Amino acid sequence: MHYTENKETNEKIYMHTDHSKMTLAFTYKEWLKLCQLLEESRFMLYASELIGQA
């Protein structure tokens, strides 16, 4: 995974994927939101696994 960031100019952050023809582009705010959503989904998965074990 590779990305660059420049918060001041609202430049895009590029994330290269394993697929050679696909690159994702995010603004800095979108990148932070993606990280937040992934963290929340990880927490929900963990909670679901705990409930399922009861």
C-alpha atoms as a PDB file:
ATOM      1  CA  MET A   1       0.000   0.000   0.000  1.00  0.00           C
ATOM      2  CA  HIS A   2       1.348   3.406  -0.929  1.00  0.00           C
ATOM      3  CA  TYR A   3      -0.089   6.838  -0.336  1.00  0.00           C
ATOM      4  CA  THR A   4       0.927  10.472  -0.308  1.00  0.00           C
ATOM      5  CA  GLU A   5      -0.767  13.277   1.525  1.00  0.00           C
ATOM      6  CA  ASN A   6      -0.793  17.032   1.484  1.00  0.00           C
ATOM      7  CA  LYS A   7      -3.387  18.413   3.904  1.00  0.00           C
ATOM      8  CA  GLU A   8      -2.914  22.077   3.004  1.00  0.00           C
ATOM      9  CA  THR A   9      -3.635  21.850  -0.729  1.00  0.00           C
ATOM     10  CA  ASN A  10      -6.432  19.274  -0.476  1.00  0.00           C
ATOM     11  CA  GLU A  11      -4.340  17.029  -2.705  1.00  0.00           C
ATOM     12  CA  LYS A  12      -5.508  13.458  -3.220  1.00  0.00           C
ATOM     13  CA  ILE A  13      -4.153  10.481  -1.316  1.00  0.00           C
ATOM     14  CA  TYR A  14      -3.599   7.580  -3.705  1.00  0.00           C
ATOM     15  CA  MET A  15      -3.784   4.020  -2.489  1.00  0.00           C
ATOM     16  CA  HIS A  16      -2.621   1.409  -4.965  1.00  0.00           C
ATOM     17  CA  THR A  17      -4.397  -1.933  -4.736  1.00  0.00           C
ATOM     18  CA  ASP A  18      -3.298  -5.451  -5.588  1.00  0.00           C
ATOM     19  CA  HIS A  19      -5.281  -5.117  -8.804  1.00  0.00           C
ATOM     20  CA  SER A  20      -2.954  -3.483 -11.332  1.00  0.00           C
ATOM     21  CA  LYS A  21      -5.681  -1.370 -12.938  1.00  0.00           C
ATOM     22  CA  MET A  22      -7.268  -0.023  -9.764  1.00  0.00           C
ATOM     23  CA  THR A  23      -6.066   2.866  -7.622  1.00  0.00           C
ATOM     24  CA  LEU A  24      -8.204   4.540  -4.971  1.00  0.00           C
ATOM     25  CA  ALA A  25      -8.029   8.324  -4.477  1.00  0.00           C
ATOM     26  CA  PHE A  26      -9.154  10.136  -1.332  1.00  0.00           C
ATOM     27  CA  THR A  27      -8.993  13.641   0.044  1.00  0.00           C
ATOM     28  CA  TYR A  28      -7.438  13.878   3.495  1.00  0.00           C
ATOM     29  CA  LYS A  29     -10.915  14.204   5.090  1.00  0.00           C
ATOM     30  CA  GLU A  30     -12.158  11.157   3.168  1.00  0.00           C
ATOM     31  CA  TRP A  31      -9.068   9.200   4.252  1.00  0.00           C
ATOM     32  CA  LEU A  32      -9.723  10.027   7.923  1.00  0.00           C
ATOM     33  CA  LYS A  33     -13.398   9.073   7.534  1.00  0.00           C
ATOM     34  CA  LEU A  34     -12.428   5.745   5.919  1.00  0.00           C
ATOM     35  CA  CYS A  35     -10.082   4.986   8.818  1.00  0.00           C
ATOM     36  CA  GLN A  36     -12.842   5.863  11.287  1.00  0.00           C
ATOM     37  CA  LEU A  37     -15.371   3.638   9.483  1.00  0.00           C
ATOM     38  CA  LEU A  38     -12.937   0.726   9.401  1.00  0.00           C
ATOM     39  CA  GLU A  39     -12.261   1.118  13.121  1.00  0.00           C
ATOM     40  CA  GLU A  40     -16.002   1.217  13.877  1.00  0.00           C
ATOM     41  CA  SER A  41     -16.663  -1.858  11.731  1.00  0.00           C
ATOM     42  CA  ARG A  42     -13.841  -3.724  13.506  1.00  0.00           C
ATOM     43  CA  PHE A  43     -15.458  -2.855  16.845  1.00  0.00           C
ATOM     44  CA  MET A  44     -18.901  -3.996  15.626  1.00  0.00           C
ATOM     45  CA  LEU A  45     -17.458  -7.289  14.364  1.00  0.00           C
ATOM     46  CA  TYR A  46     -15.794  -7.874  17.734  1.00  0.00           C
ATOM     47  CA  ALA A  47     -19.061  -7.102  19.561  1.00  0.00           C
ATOM     48  CA  SER A  48     -20.981  -9.441  17.249  1.00  0.00           C
ATOM     49  CA  GLU A  49     -18.495 -12.245  17.944  1.00  0.00           C
ATOM     50  CA  LEU A  50     -18.861 -11.712  21.698  1.00  0.00           C
ATOM     51  CA  ILE A  51     -22.653 -11.831  21.474  1.00  0.00           C
ATOM     52  CA  GLY A  52     -22.494 -14.948  19.338  1.00  0.00           C
ATOM     53  CA  GLN A  53     -20.403 -16.743  21.959  1.00  0.00           C
ATOM     54  CA  ALA A  54     -22.970 -16.192  24.705  1.00  0.00           C
END
